[in-house]
Amino acid sequence: MADAAKAAARGPRTAARWIQWGSLALAIALLLVFLLSQRQTTDFLYGTQHVGSVDDGNDDASDDTAGSADGSTHEYTGTLPSDAALAALFAKSTIVRLPGAIATFDEPRVLAAIGHADQVRAQQDDPQPKIKVIVAPPDLSDTDEDRIAALPGDNLRIVGLAVTFAGYDIMPSDTDGWQQQFVTGDVTSLILSRLAGVLHEPEPSEAASAVQWRTPTTAELRTVVDGLGTDRLYTAPGADLDEVPPVAGQAFPTTPPIVVALPRQVAGEPVPDYAAALAQRFPDTPIIVMYGYWCSYAGPGADNTEVATASYYSRYGQLISENAYPQWNVLNVYLQQWARIRYAGLFDRPLPYQLPDPVGVALPVLPWLFLACVLVFLGASVHSARRRPDAAPGGDEAPADGSGTVPMSSWGRLAGLSSLAVELSGLADDRTNPRLARGVVRLTAAREALDADRSAAIVGSQLDAAQREFGKLADLLDRPDYRPEAYLAGRSS
């Protein structure tokens, strides 16, 4: 009978222990998952992304967006001369233009600005070396970029159309700046702006470098119109666009766009505004004209051109400026941006249904699940600590002392010290963490001894060791209320 009673009493206690320690383990697991999910990374391949979520039955739009029109991917091809040849070129003049460089700028204005900057910097308390300009081709490998960066002196580096000086990449701040950089390849304003910033001087006016637009002549417009094929595409000599990306069907589903691809224009000369002229010739038709890497739009929804242009070039402008992408890649992602704007509701078109993101739904719930597990653990610990010693495993009753107070059982001490460990963990620091860790190890050993029905002496020695560690930890924290004797006495009362 006694054995049966002991077995019956042991069942609920075992279930309570499973709930107690299982909730603690689950709380720790939830905390780790939540913390690891907070890492933020950025990883994308330009020219391979597609709209995806706005797929409206056009499977081709999401399959043909990678690489170029024939499915090939972009490869880095830029190369530099040998170290000896590079050093020889570097020693000759202030402006070093390497083979394959594409950037242009007003050399007299830049040289005058560099001369002024050298003069000012030479008079400073810490004189700086003279500035040189290195104009390199796009598509450089990381190794070649490191070789340029390792050249002696304080150099203004131009890789492709990307300008870097004094540790900063210089990017345009408005549409006019992007046009100067991509329509003509002119980076004069970027260079002068950065030099003025280093000297803490007012930036020069960009009016001298701004792209000047003109109306195309009748002959120029006739050449473009007559050259449009059945695919509504005209590619001028020097341009490399050979087809319109399929995602154009999502960006402009009602009327296929007319696309004109032109090479980069000559800096300093007025540029024909084909988009406006073709919009008059073909009303209610989307018109996209590419000048090198610049995409100009006219037609239906033109009020959203600034939104599409600003969001596109502010996100991808620096990447485009450093590399020699095919025009197909640039136009492909530009059209994706228009598709996103269309499905965002700017054209009064409903957004397609999207399945909810399980990660986005689950992550906000994790802190609440963690809190629930902690509360379950604390509740189970309080329940175990309040259990009378005559409920201890094995049915052994602890004798009462002279004061009539019943001493706490081994399970009660374990639960009380475990609760104390939880509270001390919030106060511990690098100085006290070792004692907290040793105390927790002792509690784990005591619990394993209890589960294995080891002798009371073994269990008591482990609990005594944990109690000593927590007592010293409380002394280091100057918190006498967290000494085990005071803490456990309060719980017993």
Protein backbone atom coordinates (compact mmCIF):
# COMPACT_ATOMS: atom_id res chain seq x y z
CA MET A 1 0.00 0.00 0.00
CA ALA A 2 2.76 2.42 0.90
CA ASP A 3 4.58 1.69 -2.35
CA ALA A 4 1.37 2.26 -4.32
CA ALA A 5 0.81 5.58 -2.56
CA LYS A 6 4.34 6.66 -3.28
CA ALA A 7 3.95 5.78 -6.96
CA ALA A 8 0.65 7.63 -7.16
CA ALA A 9 2.20 10.72 -5.58
CA ARG A 10 5.26 10.56 -7.82
CA GLY A 11 3.18 10.78 -11.04
CA PRO A 12 1.84 14.35 -10.56
CA ARG A 13 5.23 15.52 -9.31
CA THR A 14 6.97 14.12 -12.38
CA ALA A 15 4.45 15.86 -14.66
CA ALA A 16 5.00 19.13 -12.77
CA ARG A 17 8.75 18.82 -13.22
CA TRP A 18 8.33 18.20 -16.95
CA ILE A 19 6.13 21.31 -17.22
CA GLN A 20 8.58 23.37 -15.16
CA TRP A 21 11.79 22.50 -16.95
CA GLY A 22 10.14 22.05 -20.35
CA SER A 23 8.80 25.61 -20.20
CA LEU A 24 12.27 26.90 -19.30
CA ALA A 25 13.88 25.03 -22.21
CA LEU A 26 11.22 26.30 -24.60
CA ALA A 27 11.72 29.87 -23.35
CA ILE A 28 15.46 29.64 -24.00
CA ALA A 29 14.85 28.19 -27.49
CA LEU A 30 12.38 30.97 -28.34
CA LEU A 31 14.83 33.61 -27.12
CA LEU A 32 17.62 32.20 -29.31
CA VAL A 33 15.37 32.03 -32.38
CA PHE A 34 14.23 35.61 -31.86
CA LEU A 35 17.77 36.94 -31.38
CA LEU A 36 19.18 35.08 -34.39
CA SER A 37 16.32 36.32 -36.60
CA GLN A 38 17.31 39.94 -35.93
CA ARG A 39 20.34 39.76 -38.20
CA GLN A 40 19.99 42.11 -41.17
CA THR A 41 21.76 41.36 -44.43
CA THR A 42 21.66 42.73 -47.93
CA ASP A 43 22.24 40.38 -50.83
CA PHE A 44 20.99 40.90 -54.37
CA LEU A 45 22.19 40.39 -57.91
CA TYR A 46 21.47 43.33 -60.17
CA GLY A 47 19.65 42.41 -63.36
CA THR A 48 18.41 39.07 -62.00
CA GLN A 49 15.57 40.26 -59.79
CA HIS A 50 11.98 40.14 -60.99
CA VAL A 51 8.70 41.49 -59.79
CA GLY A 52 7.31 38.08 -58.87
CA SER A 53 4.49 39.24 -56.63
CA VAL A 54 2.85 41.20 -59.44
CA ASP A 55 2.77 38.24 -61.80
CA ASP A 56 -0.64 38.53 -63.45
CA GLY A 57 -0.62 35.36 -65.49
CA ASN A 58 2.50 36.35 -67.43
CA ASP A 59 4.98 33.62 -66.60
CA ASP A 60 7.51 34.93 -69.07
CA ALA A 61 7.90 38.11 -67.05
CA SER A 62 9.43 36.28 -64.13
CA ASP A 63 11.51 33.82 -66.15
CA ASP A 64 13.38 36.14 -68.50
CA THR A 65 14.60 38.86 -66.19
CA ALA A 66 18.01 37.43 -65.41
CA GLY A 67 21.19 38.60 -67.09
CA SER A 68 20.71 39.74 -70.66
CA ALA A 69 18.10 39.04 -73.30
CA ASP A 70 19.61 35.70 -74.20
CA GLY A 71 19.74 34.54 -70.59
CA SER A 72 23.45 35.22 -70.10
CA THR A 73 24.67 36.78 -66.87
CA HIS A 74 26.77 39.88 -66.35
CA GLU A 75 30.51 39.28 -66.01
CA TYR A 76 33.24 41.63 -64.85
CA THR A 77 35.61 42.43 -67.71
CA GLY A 78 37.50 45.57 -66.63
CA THR A 79 41.29 45.28 -66.47
CA LEU A 80 44.15 47.58 -65.55
CA PRO A 81 47.72 47.88 -66.85
CA SER A 82 50.54 46.19 -64.99
CA ASP A 83 51.85 47.74 -61.79
CA ALA A 84 54.88 49.16 -63.61
CA ALA A 85 52.78 50.69 -66.40
CA LEU A 86 50.29 52.02 -63.84
CA ALA A 87 53.09 53.67 -61.85
CA ALA A 88 54.50 55.24 -65.02
CA LEU A 89 51.12 56.70 -66.00
CA PHE A 90 50.57 57.91 -62.46
CA ALA A 91 53.85 59.86 -62.43
CA LYS A 92 53.21 61.75 -65.67
CA SER A 93 50.34 64.14 -64.92
CA THR A 94 47.64 65.22 -62.50
CA ILE A 95 44.90 63.48 -64.54
CA VAL A 96 45.59 59.81 -65.26
CA ARG A 97 43.12 58.31 -67.75
CA LEU A 98 43.44 54.55 -67.99
CA PRO A 99 42.49 52.53 -71.10
CA GLY A 100 38.75 51.89 -71.29
CA ALA A 101 37.75 54.83 -69.06
CA ILE A 102 34.32 56.25 -69.99
CA ALA A 103 33.81 59.19 -67.61
CA THR A 104 34.12 62.75 -68.95
CA PHE A 105 34.53 66.05 -67.13
CA ASP A 106 35.53 69.68 -67.72
CA GLU A 107 39.29 69.30 -67.31
CA PRO A 108 40.12 73.05 -67.04
CA ARG A 109 37.54 73.52 -64.26
CA VAL A 110 38.67 70.37 -62.47
CA LEU A 111 42.37 71.29 -62.72
CA ALA A 112 41.62 74.79 -61.41
CA ALA A 113 39.67 73.34 -58.48
CA ILE A 114 42.46 70.86 -57.72
CA GLY A 115 45.07 73.64 -57.80
CA HIS A 116 43.00 75.67 -55.36
CA ALA A 117 42.49 72.66 -53.10
CA ASP A 118 46.22 71.82 -53.12
CA GLN A 119 47.08 75.40 -52.19
CA VAL A 120 44.63 75.47 -49.27
CA ARG A 121 45.61 72.01 -47.97
CA ALA A 122 49.34 72.88 -48.14
CA GLN A 123 48.77 75.75 -45.69
CA GLN A 124 47.07 73.56 -43.08
CA ASP A 125 48.79 72.40 -39.89
CA ASP A 126 48.89 68.90 -41.35
CA PRO A 127 49.76 69.42 -45.04
CA GLN A 128 48.14 66.94 -47.39
CA PRO A 129 49.67 65.50 -50.58
CA LYS A 130 48.68 66.92 -53.94
CA ILE A 131 45.51 65.57 -55.47
CA LYS A 132 45.54 63.47 -58.61
CA VAL A 133 42.61 62.19 -60.65
CA ILE A 134 42.58 58.54 -61.75
CA VAL A 135 39.95 57.73 -64.38
CA ALA A 136 39.49 53.95 -64.65
CA PRO A 137 37.16 51.78 -66.75
CA PRO A 138 34.05 50.16 -65.27
CA ASP A 139 33.78 46.51 -64.30
CA LEU A 140 37.01 46.40 -62.31
CA SER A 141 37.66 43.37 -60.17
CA ASP A 142 38.15 43.78 -56.44
CA THR A 143 41.87 43.20 -56.91
CA ASP A 144 42.18 46.00 -59.48
CA GLU A 145 40.17 48.37 -57.30
CA ASP A 146 42.56 47.63 -54.45
CA ARG A 147 45.50 48.38 -56.74
CA ILE A 148 44.06 51.80 -57.54
CA ALA A 149 43.34 52.50 -53.90
CA ALA A 150 46.94 51.57 -53.01
CA LEU A 151 48.48 54.21 -55.28
CA PRO A 152 50.39 56.81 -53.23
CA GLY A 153 48.89 60.18 -52.41
CA ASP A 154 45.37 61.47 -51.92
CA ASN A 155 43.69 60.51 -55.18
CA LEU A 156 40.29 61.25 -56.62
CA ARG A 157 39.20 57.95 -58.16
CA ILE A 158 36.64 57.57 -60.96
CA VAL A 159 35.71 53.95 -61.74
CA GLY A 160 33.26 53.88 -64.62
CA LEU A 161 31.04 56.81 -63.64
CA ALA A 162 31.44 56.38 -59.85
CA VAL A 163 33.47 59.10 -58.09
CA THR A 164 35.31 58.51 -54.79
CA PHE A 165 37.49 60.91 -52.82
CA ALA A 166 38.62 61.21 -49.19
CA GLY A 167 36.82 58.05 -48.17
CA TYR A 168 33.41 58.98 -49.63
CA ASP A 169 31.45 57.88 -52.68
CA ILE A 170 29.92 60.95 -54.32
CA MET A 171 26.40 60.46 -55.64
CA PRO A 172 24.01 62.90 -57.32
CA SER A 173 21.32 64.35 -55.09
CA ASP A 174 18.62 65.10 -57.69
CA THR A 175 17.36 64.20 -61.16
CA ASP A 176 19.58 66.75 -62.91
CA GLY A 177 22.62 65.15 -61.32
CA TRP A 178 21.63 61.64 -62.42
CA GLN A 179 21.05 62.95 -65.95
CA GLN A 180 24.49 64.54 -66.09
CA GLN A 181 26.09 61.30 -64.99
CA PHE A 182 24.20 58.81 -67.16
CA VAL A 183 23.09 60.77 -70.26
CA THR A 184 26.53 62.16 -71.10
CA GLY A 185 28.90 60.46 -68.64
CA ASP A 186 29.84 63.91 -67.28
CA VAL A 187 30.95 63.80 -63.61
CA THR A 188 32.25 67.40 -63.38
CA SER A 189 29.67 68.49 -60.81
CA LEU A 190 30.39 65.44 -58.62
CA ILE A 191 34.12 66.18 -58.60
CA LEU A 192 33.74 69.90 -57.87
CA SER A 193 31.13 69.25 -55.20
CA ARG A 194 33.38 66.81 -53.33
CA LEU A 195 36.45 69.08 -53.54
CA ALA A 196 34.42 71.98 -52.14
CA GLY A 197 33.10 69.73 -49.36
CA VAL A 198 36.63 68.69 -48.31
CA LEU A 199 37.61 72.38 -48.07
CA HIS A 200 34.34 73.27 -46.29
CA GLU A 201 33.53 75.76 -49.03
CA PRO A 202 30.19 76.44 -50.79
CA GLU A 203 29.46 74.01 -53.61
CA PRO A 204 29.68 75.49 -57.12
CA SER A 205 26.60 75.89 -59.27
CA GLU A 206 25.69 72.85 -61.39
CA ALA A 207 24.11 74.94 -64.12
CA ALA A 208 27.25 74.78 -66.25
CA SER A 209 27.17 70.97 -66.28
CA ALA A 210 23.40 70.43 -66.55
CA VAL A 211 22.10 68.55 -69.57
CA GLN A 212 20.55 70.92 -72.13
CA TRP A 213 17.52 69.49 -73.96
CA ARG A 214 16.31 70.42 -77.43
CA THR A 215 13.50 69.42 -79.78
CA PRO A 216 14.68 66.79 -82.30
CA THR A 217 14.75 67.84 -85.91
CA THR A 218 12.23 66.47 -88.41
CA ALA A 219 14.90 64.23 -89.93
CA GLU A 220 15.96 62.88 -86.55
CA LEU A 221 12.39 62.11 -85.56
CA ARG A 222 11.64 60.50 -88.94
CA THR A 223 14.70 58.23 -88.55
CA VAL A 224 13.42 56.96 -85.21
CA VAL A 225 9.81 56.50 -86.35
CA ASP A 226 10.80 54.72 -89.55
CA GLY A 227 13.19 52.51 -87.61
CA LEU A 228 10.55 51.14 -85.24
CA GLY A 229 10.05 47.44 -85.87
CA THR A 230 7.14 45.19 -85.10
CA ASP A 231 8.38 44.98 -81.53
CA ARG A 232 8.06 48.81 -81.28
CA LEU A 233 11.80 49.11 -80.64
CA TYR A 234 14.37 51.39 -82.28
CA THR A 235 18.05 50.87 -81.46
CA ALA A 236 20.42 53.59 -82.70
CA PRO A 237 24.01 52.84 -83.74
CA GLY A 238 26.17 52.58 -80.62
CA ALA A 239 23.34 51.24 -78.43
CA ASP A 240 23.11 47.54 -77.50
CA LEU A 241 19.43 46.95 -76.69
CA ASP A 242 18.20 44.14 -78.95
CA GLU A 243 14.74 43.46 -77.48
CA VAL A 244 12.23 44.87 -75.02
CA PRO A 245 12.21 42.92 -71.72
CA PRO A 246 9.03 40.83 -71.28
CA VAL A 247 8.25 42.56 -67.97
CA ALA A 248 7.07 45.54 -70.06
CA GLY A 249 3.76 43.67 -70.31
CA GLN A 250 3.30 44.03 -66.56
CA ALA A 251 4.48 47.63 -66.40
CA PHE A 252 2.18 48.69 -69.28
CA PRO A 253 -0.44 45.97 -69.80
CA THR A 254 -2.90 48.07 -71.83
CA THR A 255 -0.64 49.44 -74.57
CA PRO A 256 2.84 48.05 -75.35
CA PRO A 257 5.48 50.77 -74.94
CA ILE A 258 7.61 52.27 -77.69
CA VAL A 259 11.27 51.95 -76.70
CA VAL A 260 14.12 53.95 -78.21
CA ALA A 261 17.69 53.01 -77.26
CA LEU A 262 20.45 55.56 -77.87
CA PRO A 263 24.11 55.52 -76.92
CA ARG A 264 25.58 57.90 -74.33
CA GLN A 265 25.38 61.48 -75.63
CA VAL A 266 28.23 63.96 -76.10
CA ALA A 267 28.81 66.14 -73.03
CA GLY A 268 28.25 69.85 -73.56
CA GLU A 269 25.96 69.46 -76.58
CA PRO A 270 22.14 69.80 -76.47
CA VAL A 271 20.39 66.42 -76.31
CA PRO A 272 17.27 65.75 -78.43
CA ASP A 273 14.20 65.10 -76.27
CA TYR A 274 12.72 62.19 -78.19
CA ALA A 275 10.33 61.16 -75.40
CA ALA A 276 8.28 64.37 -75.56
CA ALA A 277 8.33 64.44 -79.38
CA LEU A 278 7.22 60.81 -79.72
CA ALA A 279 4.49 61.31 -77.10
CA GLN A 280 2.97 63.97 -79.38
CA ARG A 281 3.29 61.68 -82.38
CA PHE A 282 1.85 58.63 -80.56
CA PRO A 283 -0.71 59.86 -77.98
CA ASP A 284 -1.81 57.55 -75.14
CA THR A 285 1.25 55.36 -75.73
CA PRO A 286 4.02 54.74 -73.17
CA ILE A 287 7.31 56.07 -74.51
CA ILE A 288 10.68 55.08 -73.03
CA VAL A 289 13.89 56.58 -74.42
CA MET A 290 17.26 55.34 -73.15
CA TYR A 291 20.26 57.68 -73.35
CA GLY A 292 23.02 55.32 -72.33
CA TYR A 293 21.90 54.29 -68.84
CA TRP A 294 19.31 57.05 -68.40
CA CYS A 295 15.65 56.11 -68.94
CA SER A 296 13.31 58.95 -69.95
CA TYR A 297 9.53 58.40 -69.91
CA ALA A 298 6.54 60.16 -71.46
CA GLY A 299 2.95 59.04 -71.94
CA PRO A 300 0.11 57.78 -69.73
CA GLY A 301 0.82 58.11 -66.02
CA ALA A 302 3.63 60.59 -66.63
CA ASP A 303 2.79 62.21 -63.30
CA ASN A 304 4.49 59.24 -61.67
CA THR A 305 7.70 59.59 -63.67
CA GLU A 306 9.50 61.43 -60.89
CA VAL A 307 8.54 58.73 -58.39
CA ALA A 308 9.74 55.91 -60.66
CA THR A 309 12.94 57.72 -61.63
CA ALA A 310 13.91 58.83 -58.13
CA SER A 311 13.21 55.46 -56.52
CA TYR A 312 15.05 53.60 -59.30
CA TYR A 313 18.25 55.67 -59.53
CA SER A 314 18.51 56.33 -55.81
CA ARG A 315 18.54 52.58 -55.25
CA TYR A 316 20.57 51.34 -58.21
CA GLY A 317 22.43 54.46 -59.42
CA GLN A 318 25.69 53.75 -57.60
CA LEU A 319 25.70 50.13 -58.80
CA ILE A 320 25.03 51.13 -62.41
CA SER A 321 27.74 53.79 -62.34
CA GLU A 322 30.46 51.29 -61.36
CA ASN A 323 29.69 48.58 -63.92
CA ALA A 324 29.20 48.18 -67.66
CA TYR A 325 25.76 46.56 -67.77
CA PRO A 326 23.92 45.92 -71.04
CA GLN A 327 21.09 48.37 -71.63
CA TRP A 328 18.69 45.40 -71.44
CA ASN A 329 19.54 44.92 -67.76
CA VAL A 330 19.04 48.58 -66.94
CA LEU A 331 15.72 48.78 -68.80
CA ASN A 332 14.55 45.46 -67.34
CA VAL A 333 14.82 46.65 -63.72
CA TYR A 334 13.48 50.10 -64.64
CA LEU A 335 10.33 48.45 -66.03
CA GLN A 336 10.05 46.37 -62.87
CA GLN A 337 10.01 49.61 -60.90
CA TRP A 338 7.12 50.87 -63.06
CA ALA A 339 5.29 47.58 -62.46
CA ARG A 340 5.71 47.99 -58.70
CA ILE A 341 4.31 51.51 -58.89
CA ARG A 342 1.36 50.32 -60.96
CA TYR A 343 0.49 47.55 -58.52
CA ALA A 344 1.04 49.89 -55.55
CA GLY A 345 -2.23 51.57 -56.56
CA LEU A 346 -0.97 54.71 -58.29
CA PHE A 347 -2.84 53.62 -61.40
CA ASP A 348 -6.00 52.62 -59.49
CA ARG A 349 -5.29 48.96 -60.14
CA PRO A 350 -5.90 46.51 -57.27
CA LEU A 351 -2.94 44.73 -55.76
CA PRO A 352 -2.94 40.96 -56.47
CA TYR A 353 -3.53 38.63 -53.53
CA GLN A 354 -0.35 37.60 -51.73
CA LEU A 355 -0.03 34.77 -49.24
CA PRO A 356 0.90 36.07 -45.78
CA ASP A 357 4.56 35.78 -44.90
CA PRO A 358 4.81 33.18 -42.10
CA VAL A 359 8.08 34.66 -40.85
CA GLY A 360 6.58 38.12 -40.61
CA VAL A 361 3.61 36.70 -38.68
CA ALA A 362 5.62 34.46 -36.35
CA LEU A 363 8.41 36.81 -35.27
CA PRO A 364 6.17 39.36 -33.46
CA VAL A 365 4.59 36.48 -31.49
CA LEU A 366 7.90 35.06 -30.21
CA PRO A 367 8.38 37.59 -27.35
CA TRP A 368 4.89 36.85 -26.05
CA LEU A 369 5.48 33.10 -26.22
CA PHE A 370 8.76 33.61 -24.37
CA LEU A 371 6.97 35.58 -21.63
CA ALA A 372 4.30 32.90 -21.34
CA CYS A 373 6.94 30.18 -20.92
CA VAL A 374 8.72 32.20 -18.22
CA LEU A 375 5.46 32.68 -16.34
CA VAL A 376 4.70 28.94 -16.55
CA PHE A 377 8.18 28.15 -15.24
CA LEU A 378 7.85 30.60 -12.35
CA GLY A 379 4.39 29.30 -11.51
CA ALA A 380 5.60 25.71 -11.49
CA SER A 381 8.60 26.72 -9.37
CA VAL A 382 6.36 28.48 -6.82
CA HIS A 383 4.08 25.45 -6.69
CA SER A 384 7.04 23.12 -6.08
CA ALA A 385 8.54 25.42 -3.43
CA ARG A 386 5.29 25.52 -1.46
CA ARG A 387 4.89 21.75 -1.45
CA ARG A 388 5.20 20.31 2.07
CA PRO A 389 8.09 17.96 2.77
CA ASP A 390 5.76 15.04 3.36
CA ALA A 391 5.03 15.22 -0.38
CA ALA A 392 8.69 14.63 -1.25
CA PRO A 393 9.55 11.65 -3.46
CA GLY A 394 9.79 8.43 -1.53
CA GLY A 395 7.29 9.48 1.16
CA ASP A 396 10.03 10.34 3.71
CA GLU A 397 8.76 12.90 6.19
CA ALA A 398 11.20 15.55 7.37
CA PRO A 399 11.16 15.99 11.14
CA ALA A 400 9.97 19.25 12.56
CA ASP A 401 12.42 21.38 14.55
CA GLY A 402 11.89 22.84 17.95
CA SER A 403 10.14 25.92 16.57
CA GLY A 404 7.45 23.88 14.89
CA THR A 405 8.56 24.97 11.37
CA VAL A 406 8.79 22.17 8.85
CA PRO A 407 12.14 22.36 6.93
CA MET A 408 11.98 22.68 3.14
CA SER A 409 12.38 19.44 1.18
CA SER A 410 15.10 18.85 -1.43
CA TRP A 411 12.61 19.45 -4.22
CA GLY A 412 11.47 22.63 -2.53
CA ARG A 413 15.04 23.90 -2.18
CA LEU A 414 15.72 23.06 -5.83
CA ALA A 415 12.64 24.95 -6.98
CA GLY A 416 13.39 27.92 -4.72
CA LEU A 417 17.04 28.17 -5.78
CA SER A 418 16.01 27.79 -9.47
CA SER A 419 13.64 30.72 -9.08
CA LEU A 420 16.41 32.70 -7.40
CA ALA A 421 18.74 31.89 -10.33
CA VAL A 422 16.18 33.30 -12.78
CA GLU A 423 15.96 36.56 -10.83
CA LEU A 424 19.75 36.85 -10.36
CA SER A 425 20.32 36.30 -14.10
CA GLY A 426 18.73 39.68 -14.76
CA LEU A 427 21.18 41.38 -12.38
CA ALA A 428 24.36 39.48 -13.22
CA ASP A 429 27.19 41.09 -15.19
CA ASP A 430 30.59 40.04 -16.49
CA ARG A 431 31.97 40.10 -12.94
CA THR A 432 29.29 37.82 -11.48
CA ASN A 433 28.36 35.63 -14.45
CA PRO A 434 30.89 32.86 -13.53
CA ARG A 435 29.29 32.37 -10.09
CA LEU A 436 25.81 32.33 -11.63
CA ALA A 437 26.93 29.71 -14.16
CA ARG A 438 28.51 27.51 -11.47
CA GLY A 439 25.38 27.74 -9.35
CA VAL A 440 23.16 26.71 -12.28
CA VAL A 441 25.46 23.74 -12.96
CA ARG A 442 25.08 22.65 -9.34
CA LEU A 443 21.27 22.92 -9.60
CA THR A 444 21.30 20.80 -12.74
CA ALA A 445 23.36 18.14 -10.96
CA ALA A 446 20.95 18.21 -7.99
CA ARG A 447 17.92 17.76 -10.24
CA GLU A 448 19.58 14.82 -12.02
CA ALA A 449 20.38 13.24 -8.64
CA LEU A 450 16.78 13.64 -7.51
CA ASP A 451 15.46 12.13 -10.74
CA ALA A 452 17.78 9.16 -10.22
CA ASP A 453 16.72 8.76 -6.55
CA ARG A 454 20.29 9.30 -5.35
CA SER A 455 21.02 9.67 -1.64
CA ALA A 456 19.96 12.78 0.25
CA ALA A 457 23.61 13.53 1.05
CA ILE A 458 24.53 13.80 -2.65
CA VAL A 459 21.52 16.00 -3.43
CA GLY A 460 22.14 18.14 -0.36
CA SER A 461 25.81 18.69 -1.23
CA GLN A 462 24.91 19.96 -4.70
CA LEU A 463 22.19 22.27 -3.34
CA ASP A 464 24.54 23.55 -0.63
CA ALA A 465 27.20 24.32 -3.26
CA ALA A 466 24.66 26.18 -5.42
CA GLN A 467 23.43 28.09 -2.37
CA ARG A 468 26.98 29.19 -1.55
CA GLU A 469 27.56 30.42 -5.11
CA PHE A 470 24.32 32.42 -5.10
CA GLY A 471 25.12 33.84 -1.64
CA LYS A 472 28.50 35.13 -2.81
CA LEU A 473 26.87 36.48 -5.99
CA ALA A 474 24.32 38.40 -3.87
CA ASP A 475 27.16 39.82 -1.78
CA LEU A 476 28.98 41.00 -4.91
CA LEU A 477 25.79 42.67 -6.11
CA ASP A 478 25.25 44.18 -2.63
CA ARG A 479 21.74 42.68 -2.55
CA PRO A 480 21.26 40.97 0.83
CA ASP A 481 17.61 40.37 -0.04
CA TYR A 482 18.83 37.94 -2.70
CA ARG A 483 20.94 35.86 -0.33
CA PRO A 484 19.52 32.30 -0.48
CA GLU A 485 18.77 32.19 3.25
CA ALA A 486 16.63 35.32 3.10
CA TYR A 487 15.08 34.45 -0.25
CA LEU A 488 14.08 30.90 0.70
CA ALA A 489 12.84 31.99 4.12
CA GLY A 490 10.53 34.50 2.45
CA ARG A 491 9.20 31.86 0.12
CA SER A 492 8.55 29.40 2.98
CA SER A 493 6.67 32.01 4.93
